[in-house]
Protein backbone atom coordinates (compact mmCIF):
# COMPACT_ATOMS: atom_id res chain seq x y z
CA MET A 1 -8.88 -70.03 -3.94
CA ALA A 2 -9.39 -68.29 -0.63
CA LEU A 3 -10.57 -65.05 0.90
CA VAL A 4 -8.18 -63.61 3.47
CA PHE A 5 -10.74 -62.82 6.16
CA GLU A 6 -13.02 -65.78 5.63
CA ALA A 7 -13.22 -67.30 9.11
CA PRO A 8 -15.92 -68.60 11.46
CA ASN A 9 -17.60 -66.21 13.86
CA PHE A 10 -15.09 -66.70 16.64
CA GLU A 11 -14.00 -64.13 19.15
CA SER A 12 -11.44 -61.60 17.95
CA SER A 13 -8.15 -63.47 18.41
CA LEU A 14 -9.45 -66.82 17.14
CA LYS A 15 -10.91 -65.12 14.07
CA ALA A 16 -7.52 -63.52 13.49
CA HIS A 17 -5.74 -66.86 13.92
CA TYR A 18 -7.86 -68.60 11.31
CA SER A 19 -7.43 -65.64 8.94
CA SER A 20 -3.63 -66.00 8.89
CA PHE A 21 -1.88 -67.00 5.67
CA GLU A 22 0.05 -69.69 7.52
CA VAL A 23 -3.13 -71.43 8.66
CA LYS A 24 -4.83 -71.04 5.26
CA LEU A 25 -1.81 -72.38 3.37
CA ALA A 26 -1.42 -75.34 5.73
CA ASN A 27 -5.12 -76.13 5.36
CA ALA A 28 -4.91 -75.89 1.58
CA VAL A 29 -1.93 -78.27 1.49
CA ALA A 30 -3.71 -80.70 3.81
CA HIS A 31 -6.54 -80.86 1.28
CA GLY A 32 -4.26 -81.53 -1.68
CA ALA A 33 -3.84 -78.04 -3.12
CA VAL A 34 -0.93 -77.51 -5.54
CA GLY A 35 -1.39 -73.74 -5.75
CA ILE A 36 -3.37 -70.97 -4.12
CA ILE A 37 -5.01 -67.79 -5.37
CA ILE A 38 -5.84 -65.09 -2.82
CA LEU A 39 -9.01 -63.23 -3.69
CA ASP A 40 -9.76 -59.63 -2.87
CA ASP A 41 -12.88 -58.57 -0.97
CA PRO A 42 -14.29 -55.28 0.32
CA VAL A 43 -12.96 -55.83 3.85
CA LEU A 44 -9.41 -56.55 2.67
CA GLU A 45 -9.56 -53.68 0.20
CA GLY A 46 -10.49 -51.29 2.99
CA ILE A 47 -7.66 -52.43 5.25
CA TYR A 48 -4.92 -53.20 2.73
CA PRO A 49 -5.73 -51.83 -0.76
CA PHE A 50 -4.61 -53.89 -3.73
CA LYS A 51 -2.37 -51.11 -5.05
CA GLU A 52 -0.42 -51.25 -1.78
CA ARG A 53 -0.21 -55.05 -2.00
CA VAL A 54 1.25 -54.70 -5.49
CA ARG A 55 3.79 -52.22 -4.14
CA ASP A 56 4.74 -54.58 -1.32
CA LEU A 57 4.96 -57.58 -3.65
CA THR A 58 7.84 -55.88 -5.42
CA ARG A 59 9.86 -56.60 -2.30
CA PRO A 60 11.31 -60.10 -1.96
CA GLY A 61 9.52 -62.73 0.07
CA LEU A 62 11.60 -63.84 3.04
CA HIS A 63 11.86 -66.97 5.20
CA TRP A 64 14.28 -67.73 7.98
CA LEU A 65 16.17 -70.99 7.68
CA GLU A 66 15.85 -74.00 9.93
CA LYS A 67 19.02 -75.65 11.21
CA ASP A 68 18.96 -78.08 8.27
CA GLY A 69 18.81 -75.16 5.82
CA THR A 70 15.17 -75.52 4.80
CA PRO A 71 12.99 -72.40 4.77
CA HIS A 72 10.70 -72.15 7.78
CA ASP A 73 6.95 -72.06 7.09
CA SER A 74 7.35 -72.80 3.42
CA PHE A 75 5.03 -75.13 1.57
CA PRO A 76 6.85 -76.92 -1.28
CA GLU A 77 3.57 -78.62 -2.22
CA LEU A 78 2.28 -75.25 -3.45
CA LYS A 79 3.88 -74.78 -6.86
CA GLY A 80 2.46 -71.33 -7.49
CA GLY A 81 0.36 -68.52 -6.11
CA ALA A 82 -1.35 -65.33 -7.14
CA SER A 83 -3.25 -62.39 -5.66
CA LEU A 84 -6.19 -60.84 -7.51
CA ASP A 85 -7.74 -57.38 -7.32
CA LEU A 86 -11.38 -56.81 -6.45
CA GLU A 87 -12.66 -56.43 -10.02
CA THR A 88 -10.96 -59.63 -11.20
CA THR A 89 -12.21 -61.45 -8.11
CA LYS A 90 -15.78 -60.48 -8.97
CA GLN A 91 -15.33 -61.70 -12.57
CA LEU A 92 -14.30 -65.16 -11.34
CA PHE A 93 -17.79 -65.92 -10.09
CA ALA A 94 -19.48 -65.49 -13.47
CA GLY A 95 -21.17 -68.75 -14.39
CA SER A 96 -20.64 -70.29 -10.96
CA GLY A 97 -24.21 -69.79 -9.77
CA HIS A 98 -23.00 -67.49 -6.99
CA THR A 99 -22.72 -63.70 -7.04
CA PRO A 100 -19.71 -61.88 -5.58
CA GLU A 101 -22.03 -60.20 -3.06
CA GLU A 102 -23.26 -63.61 -1.87
CA VAL A 103 -19.70 -64.84 -1.40
CA PHE A 104 -18.58 -61.71 0.44
CA GLN A 105 -21.63 -61.78 2.72
CA ALA A 106 -21.06 -65.45 3.56
CA ALA A 107 -17.46 -64.67 4.48
CA LYS A 108 -18.59 -61.74 6.60
CA GLU A 109 -21.04 -64.00 8.46
CA GLY A 110 -18.47 -66.76 8.91
CA LYS A 111 -20.39 -69.22 6.75
CA SER A 112 -18.52 -71.91 4.87
CA LEU A 113 -19.05 -71.55 1.14
CA ALA A 114 -17.17 -73.89 -1.22
CA PHE A 115 -18.08 -74.61 -4.82
CA PRO A 116 -16.38 -75.36 -8.16
CA LEU A 117 -15.53 -72.52 -10.53
CA PRO A 118 -15.80 -73.09 -14.30
CA ILE A 119 -12.30 -71.77 -15.00
CA THR A 120 -8.73 -72.95 -15.17
CA ALA A 121 -5.67 -71.08 -13.97
CA GLU A 122 -2.15 -71.14 -15.30
CA ILE A 123 0.55 -69.64 -13.10
CA ARG A 124 4.13 -69.09 -14.23
CA ASP A 125 6.46 -68.75 -11.29
CA VAL A 126 10.02 -67.46 -11.69
CA GLN A 127 12.21 -67.31 -8.61
CA LYS A 128 15.61 -65.87 -7.80
CA LEU A 129 17.10 -67.01 -4.52
CA ALA A 130 19.58 -65.12 -2.35
CA ASP A 131 20.79 -65.13 1.24
CA VAL A 132 20.27 -62.02 3.35
CA SER A 133 20.95 -61.38 7.01
CA SER A 134 19.32 -59.08 9.55
CA PRO A 135 19.92 -59.35 13.32
CA ASN A 136 17.69 -59.25 16.33
CA VAL A 137 19.19 -57.10 19.07
CA ILE A 138 18.89 -58.48 22.60
CA ALA A 139 19.76 -57.18 26.06
CA LYS A 140 19.44 -59.06 29.34
CA LEU A 141 18.73 -57.70 32.82
CA GLU A 142 19.38 -60.32 35.48
CA GLY A 143 16.75 -60.64 38.18
CA SER A 144 17.44 -60.26 41.89
CA ASP A 145 15.68 -63.39 43.19
CA PRO A 146 18.07 -66.37 43.46
CA VAL A 147 15.44 -68.71 42.00
CA LEU A 148 13.21 -66.54 39.83
CA LYS A 149 16.20 -64.97 38.04
CA ASN A 150 16.34 -68.19 36.04
CA GLU A 151 12.98 -67.29 34.49
CA TYR A 152 12.52 -64.55 31.89
CA ILE A 153 10.02 -61.99 30.71
CA VAL A 154 10.53 -60.93 27.10
CA TYR A 155 9.75 -57.37 26.07
CA SER A 156 9.60 -57.10 22.28
CA ALA A 157 9.30 -54.34 19.69
CA HIS A 158 10.15 -54.55 16.01
CA LEU A 159 13.00 -52.37 14.78
CA ASP A 160 12.25 -52.59 11.05
CA HIS A 161 9.95 -50.71 8.72
CA LEU A 162 9.74 -50.65 4.91
CA GLY A 163 12.98 -48.82 4.09
CA ILE A 164 13.26 -47.03 0.76
CA GLY A 165 10.41 -47.63 -1.67
CA GLU A 166 8.06 -46.13 -4.20
CA PRO A 167 8.06 -42.32 -3.84
CA VAL A 168 4.94 -40.62 -2.55
CA ASN A 169 4.87 -36.86 -3.19
CA GLY A 170 8.58 -37.06 -3.92
CA ASP A 171 9.47 -38.84 -0.66
CA SER A 172 10.78 -42.40 -0.94
CA ILE A 173 11.86 -42.93 2.70
CA TYR A 174 9.34 -44.97 4.67
CA ASN A 175 10.21 -43.72 8.14
CA GLY A 176 7.88 -45.71 10.38
CA ALA A 177 7.70 -43.15 13.19
CA LEU A 178 4.69 -44.73 14.88
CA ASP A 179 5.17 -48.11 13.19
CA ASN A 180 7.41 -48.87 14.95
CA ALA A 181 9.97 -46.31 16.11
CA SER A 182 7.44 -45.58 18.85
CA GLY A 183 7.57 -49.12 20.24
CA SER A 184 11.34 -49.28 19.82
CA ALA A 185 11.81 -46.06 21.80
CA ILE A 186 9.48 -47.28 24.55
CA LEU A 187 11.41 -50.56 24.72
CA LEU A 188 14.59 -48.60 25.43
CA GLU A 189 12.90 -46.44 28.07
CA VAL A 190 11.39 -49.46 29.81
CA ALA A 191 14.84 -51.08 29.82
CA ARG A 192 16.32 -47.89 31.27
CA ALA A 193 13.71 -47.81 34.03
CA PHE A 194 14.23 -51.45 35.04
CA SER A 195 18.03 -51.12 34.94
CA ARG A 196 17.87 -48.26 37.50
CA MET A 197 15.84 -50.28 40.00
CA ASN A 198 17.72 -51.31 43.13
CA PRO A 199 17.20 -54.14 43.66
CA HIS A 200 16.40 -55.36 40.17
CA PRO A 201 13.01 -57.04 39.63
CA ARG A 202 12.84 -60.63 40.87
CA ARG A 203 12.66 -62.28 37.45
CA SER A 204 15.16 -61.64 34.67
CA ILE A 205 14.09 -59.63 31.65
CA LEU A 206 15.09 -59.86 27.99
CA PHE A 207 14.64 -56.74 25.88
CA VAL A 208 14.40 -57.94 22.28
CA SER A 209 14.39 -55.59 19.29
CA VAL A 210 13.22 -57.93 16.56
CA THR A 211 13.82 -57.62 12.85
CA GLY A 212 11.63 -58.57 9.91
CA GLU A 213 8.21 -57.92 11.44
CA GLU A 214 7.01 -56.26 8.28
CA ALA A 215 8.16 -59.31 6.29
CA GLY A 216 5.99 -61.69 8.33
CA LEU A 217 7.07 -61.55 12.01
CA LEU A 218 10.35 -63.19 10.98
CA GLY A 219 12.64 -61.95 13.75
CA SER A 220 10.25 -62.71 16.59
CA ASP A 221 9.31 -66.06 15.06
CA TYR A 222 12.96 -67.06 14.89
CA PHE A 223 13.68 -65.85 18.42
CA ALA A 224 10.61 -67.56 19.89
CA SER A 225 11.61 -70.77 18.11
CA TYR A 226 15.31 -70.56 19.02
CA PRO A 227 15.59 -68.21 22.02
CA THR A 228 18.92 -67.31 23.59
CA VAL A 229 17.73 -68.85 26.87
CA ARG A 230 15.87 -72.09 27.52
CA LYS A 231 12.46 -71.83 25.94
CA ASP A 232 10.70 -73.21 29.00
CA SER A 233 12.33 -70.47 31.11
CA ILE A 234 10.40 -67.74 29.23
CA VAL A 235 7.25 -67.09 31.23
CA ALA A 236 5.62 -64.28 29.22
CA ASN A 237 5.97 -61.80 26.38
CA VAL A 238 4.89 -58.14 26.44
CA ASN A 239 4.94 -56.59 22.97
CA MET A 240 4.91 -52.96 21.83
CA ASP A 241 3.93 -51.96 18.30
CA GLU A 242 2.60 -48.69 16.90
CA ASP A 243 1.76 -46.51 19.87
CA GLN A 244 -1.01 -44.27 18.54
CA MET A 245 -0.01 -41.20 20.51
CA LEU A 246 -2.54 -39.05 18.69
CA TRP A 247 -5.27 -38.57 21.32
CA PRO A 248 -5.61 -38.61 25.14
CA LEU A 249 -5.07 -42.10 26.51
CA LEU A 250 -8.08 -43.25 28.55
CA ASP A 251 -8.09 -46.99 27.91
CA ILE A 252 -5.97 -49.93 26.77
CA ILE A 253 -6.90 -52.79 24.43
CA PRO A 254 -4.96 -55.78 25.86
CA PHE A 255 -4.71 -58.06 22.81
CA GLY A 256 -4.24 -61.68 23.87
CA ALA A 257 -4.70 -61.08 27.60
CA GLU A 258 -8.04 -62.88 27.78
CA HIS A 259 -6.36 -66.22 27.07
CA SER A 260 -4.17 -66.36 30.16
CA SER A 261 -3.56 -65.03 33.65
CA LEU A 262 -2.01 -61.99 31.96
CA GLU A 263 -5.53 -60.57 31.87
CA ASN A 264 -5.29 -60.05 35.63
CA VAL A 265 -1.91 -58.38 35.13
CA ALA A 266 -3.46 -55.97 32.63
CA LYS A 267 -6.33 -55.26 35.01
CA GLN A 268 -3.97 -54.47 37.90
CA ALA A 269 -1.82 -52.19 35.77
CA ALA A 270 -4.84 -50.37 34.37
CA ALA A 271 -6.34 -49.87 37.82
CA ARG A 272 -3.12 -48.37 39.19
CA LEU A 273 -2.90 -45.93 36.29
CA HIS A 274 -6.65 -45.12 36.26
CA LEU A 275 -7.09 -46.53 32.76
CA ASP A 276 -9.94 -48.67 31.45
CA LEU A 277 -9.54 -51.94 29.56
CA SER A 278 -11.53 -52.36 26.35
CA PRO A 279 -12.25 -55.26 24.00
CA ASP A 280 -11.01 -55.33 20.42
CA PRO A 281 -13.12 -52.66 18.67
CA MET A 282 -12.05 -53.66 15.15
CA PRO A 283 -11.89 -57.46 14.89
CA GLU A 284 -11.91 -57.16 11.09
CA GLU A 285 -8.37 -55.76 11.35
CA VAL A 286 -7.11 -59.12 12.78
CA ILE A 287 -4.58 -57.26 14.92
CA PHE A 288 -3.84 -60.32 17.08
CA ILE A 289 -1.86 -62.06 14.31
CA ARG A 290 -0.23 -58.93 12.90
CA SER A 291 2.39 -58.25 15.54
CA ASP A 292 5.22 -60.06 17.27
CA GLN A 293 3.38 -61.39 20.31
CA TYR A 294 1.74 -63.95 18.01
CA SER A 295 5.15 -65.62 17.51
CA PHE A 296 5.39 -66.30 21.23
CA VAL A 297 1.81 -67.54 21.42
CA LYS A 298 2.67 -70.11 18.74
CA GLN A 299 5.42 -71.42 21.01
CA GLY A 300 3.03 -71.86 23.93
CA ILE A 301 4.19 -68.72 25.76
CA PRO A 302 1.47 -66.45 27.21
CA ALA A 303 1.71 -63.05 25.55
CA LEU A 304 0.19 -59.60 25.83
CA TYR A 305 0.07 -56.84 23.25
CA PRO A 306 -1.31 -53.65 24.85
CA SER A 307 -2.62 -51.13 22.33
CA PRO A 308 -3.94 -47.63 23.04
CA GLY A 309 -7.73 -47.65 23.23
CA ILE A 310 -10.25 -45.44 21.48
CA LYS A 311 -12.29 -43.98 24.34
CA SER A 312 -12.76 -40.23 24.55
CA ASP A 313 -14.32 -37.92 27.13
CA ASP A 314 -14.27 -35.00 24.70
CA PRO A 315 -16.91 -34.97 21.93
CA ASN A 316 -14.50 -32.96 19.78
CA ILE A 317 -11.86 -35.72 19.93
CA LYS A 318 -12.88 -38.82 18.00
CA PRO A 319 -10.13 -41.45 18.22
CA VAL A 320 -11.77 -43.85 15.74
CA GLU A 321 -11.87 -41.15 13.07
CA ILE A 322 -8.30 -40.11 13.87
CA PHE A 323 -7.08 -43.70 13.60
CA LYS A 324 -8.98 -44.44 10.39
CA ASN A 325 -7.61 -41.27 8.80
CA TRP A 326 -4.07 -42.13 9.93
CA GLU A 327 -4.40 -45.67 8.60
CA ALA A 328 -5.66 -44.40 5.25
CA THR A 329 -3.07 -41.62 4.81
CA ARG A 330 0.05 -42.53 6.81
CA TYR A 331 0.15 -46.25 7.59
CA HIS A 332 3.06 -47.75 5.63
CA GLN A 333 3.58 -44.40 3.91
CA PRO A 334 6.58 -42.04 3.96
CA SER A 335 4.39 -39.54 5.85
CA ASP A 336 4.55 -41.66 9.02
CA ASP A 337 7.36 -39.41 10.18
CA MET A 338 8.19 -37.01 13.00
CA GLN A 339 6.61 -34.08 11.16
CA GLN A 340 3.10 -35.54 11.25
CA PRO A 341 0.72 -33.41 13.32
CA GLY A 342 -0.76 -34.46 16.63
CA LEU A 343 2.08 -36.45 18.23
CA ASP A 344 1.49 -36.27 21.99
CA PHE A 345 4.44 -37.54 24.00
CA ILE A 346 2.61 -37.16 27.31
CA GLN A 347 0.18 -39.85 26.11
CA ALA A 348 3.11 -41.95 24.90
CA ALA A 349 4.59 -41.76 28.40
CA LYS A 350 1.29 -42.97 29.90
CA TYR A 351 1.33 -45.94 27.54
CA ALA A 352 4.97 -46.64 28.47
CA ASP A 353 4.00 -46.59 32.16
CA PHE A 354 1.36 -49.25 31.48
CA VAL A 355 3.76 -51.46 29.56
CA TYR A 356 6.42 -51.08 32.25
CA LEU A 357 3.97 -51.89 35.04
CA CYS A 358 2.76 -55.06 33.31
CA GLY A 359 6.32 -56.39 33.21
CA TRP A 360 6.99 -55.39 36.79
CA LEU A 361 3.89 -57.21 38.03
CA ILE A 362 4.90 -60.36 36.16
CA ALA A 363 8.47 -60.11 37.42
CA GLN A 364 7.46 -59.78 41.05
CA ASP A 365 4.83 -62.54 41.17
CA SER A 366 6.14 -65.83 42.52
CA ALA A 367 3.68 -67.72 40.28
CA ARG A 368 4.45 -67.77 36.58
CA PRO A 369 1.68 -66.82 34.12
CA THR A 370 -0.60 -69.66 33.01
CA TRP A 371 -2.98 -70.28 30.15
CA ASN A 372 -6.65 -70.36 31.08
CA PRO A 373 -8.09 -73.88 31.42
CA HIS A 374 -9.07 -75.33 28.03
CA ASP A 375 -7.95 -72.20 26.21
CA PHE A 376 -7.54 -72.78 22.48
CA PHE A 377 -4.05 -71.31 22.23
CA GLY A 378 -2.82 -72.93 25.42
CA ASP A 379 -4.06 -76.33 24.23
CA HIS A 380 -3.22 -75.91 20.53
CA TYR A 381 0.36 -74.72 20.93
CA THR A 382 1.99 -77.02 23.43
CA ARG A 383 5.23 -75.71 24.85
CA LYS A 384 8.22 -77.20 23.03
CA LYS A 385 11.15 -78.02 25.26
């Protein structure tokens, strides 16, 4: 049994990495587990309420297939799994000598807490298998430098959302205006801007609209594993997901930048646009593993996910409150549509300028981006030829 956000007190992106299902499942299998039960906790309940997990579990689980036909990132050793709500999770600890509050606090503090539970679990698993197909959409802009045009920057944004689902106030269409029509639109505008440059940027650029992000980063994971160009020719990824164009943009949170020379790229772009850079203000949200740049990181490719920051110079505008309210009322809901109040396209254009400038700086630099010395991700995920 495992808590989702139980992880040591690492910095933001490492904490996110060790909170991922993939890492937890692999660790469970390595220790002889034959099944896994995911427990609820107050942090998870605040970010992803159980009722929404139940709704999402009605959709099929998806894996992309390796060349030999086996599902990628599947664990055949695990014969069954379950997810429990908060009340049932608390009941599990009766008779264990540990209170739920003690367990949750240990997880919050990053303390390892393992002990036997005086219960048994029986899981009945019924599966129905089917093949489905959903494409990534890719465009290429060839660079102008005779040597550097053989290297590529990948811009990514996911083109999927949740489709048609459980009605909310009579509306069953989950539009995904901010998540992630916003990133998809910016991807197209960045491609338009680069295509009009004469000459083109020195390095080549791939604009990749990836599918299946909401199903577990499937499209980006497949592309990063089997790119349409040589994997070692991809020098960096810049990802766009959920532009929160709901308040004036004063700063950028450059997720992943601190692990590579892309941090300097982010600093240069921010300075030119008179924006500040800010650290992850909500590490409990484990943003680093929840969008497509993580797929490239796992292939040893330096990646950057710029997200609008939460600074404000107006005491009447409180971005944290705006975001929390949006997350509670519109995230993965039909109401994330073009009728929602507060959409500010001037701020979206500022964010697009930042994203564009990051790619331009990478494209023009003769030196390719590098991982920082002894960085965990650079060392852990060696580049696969």
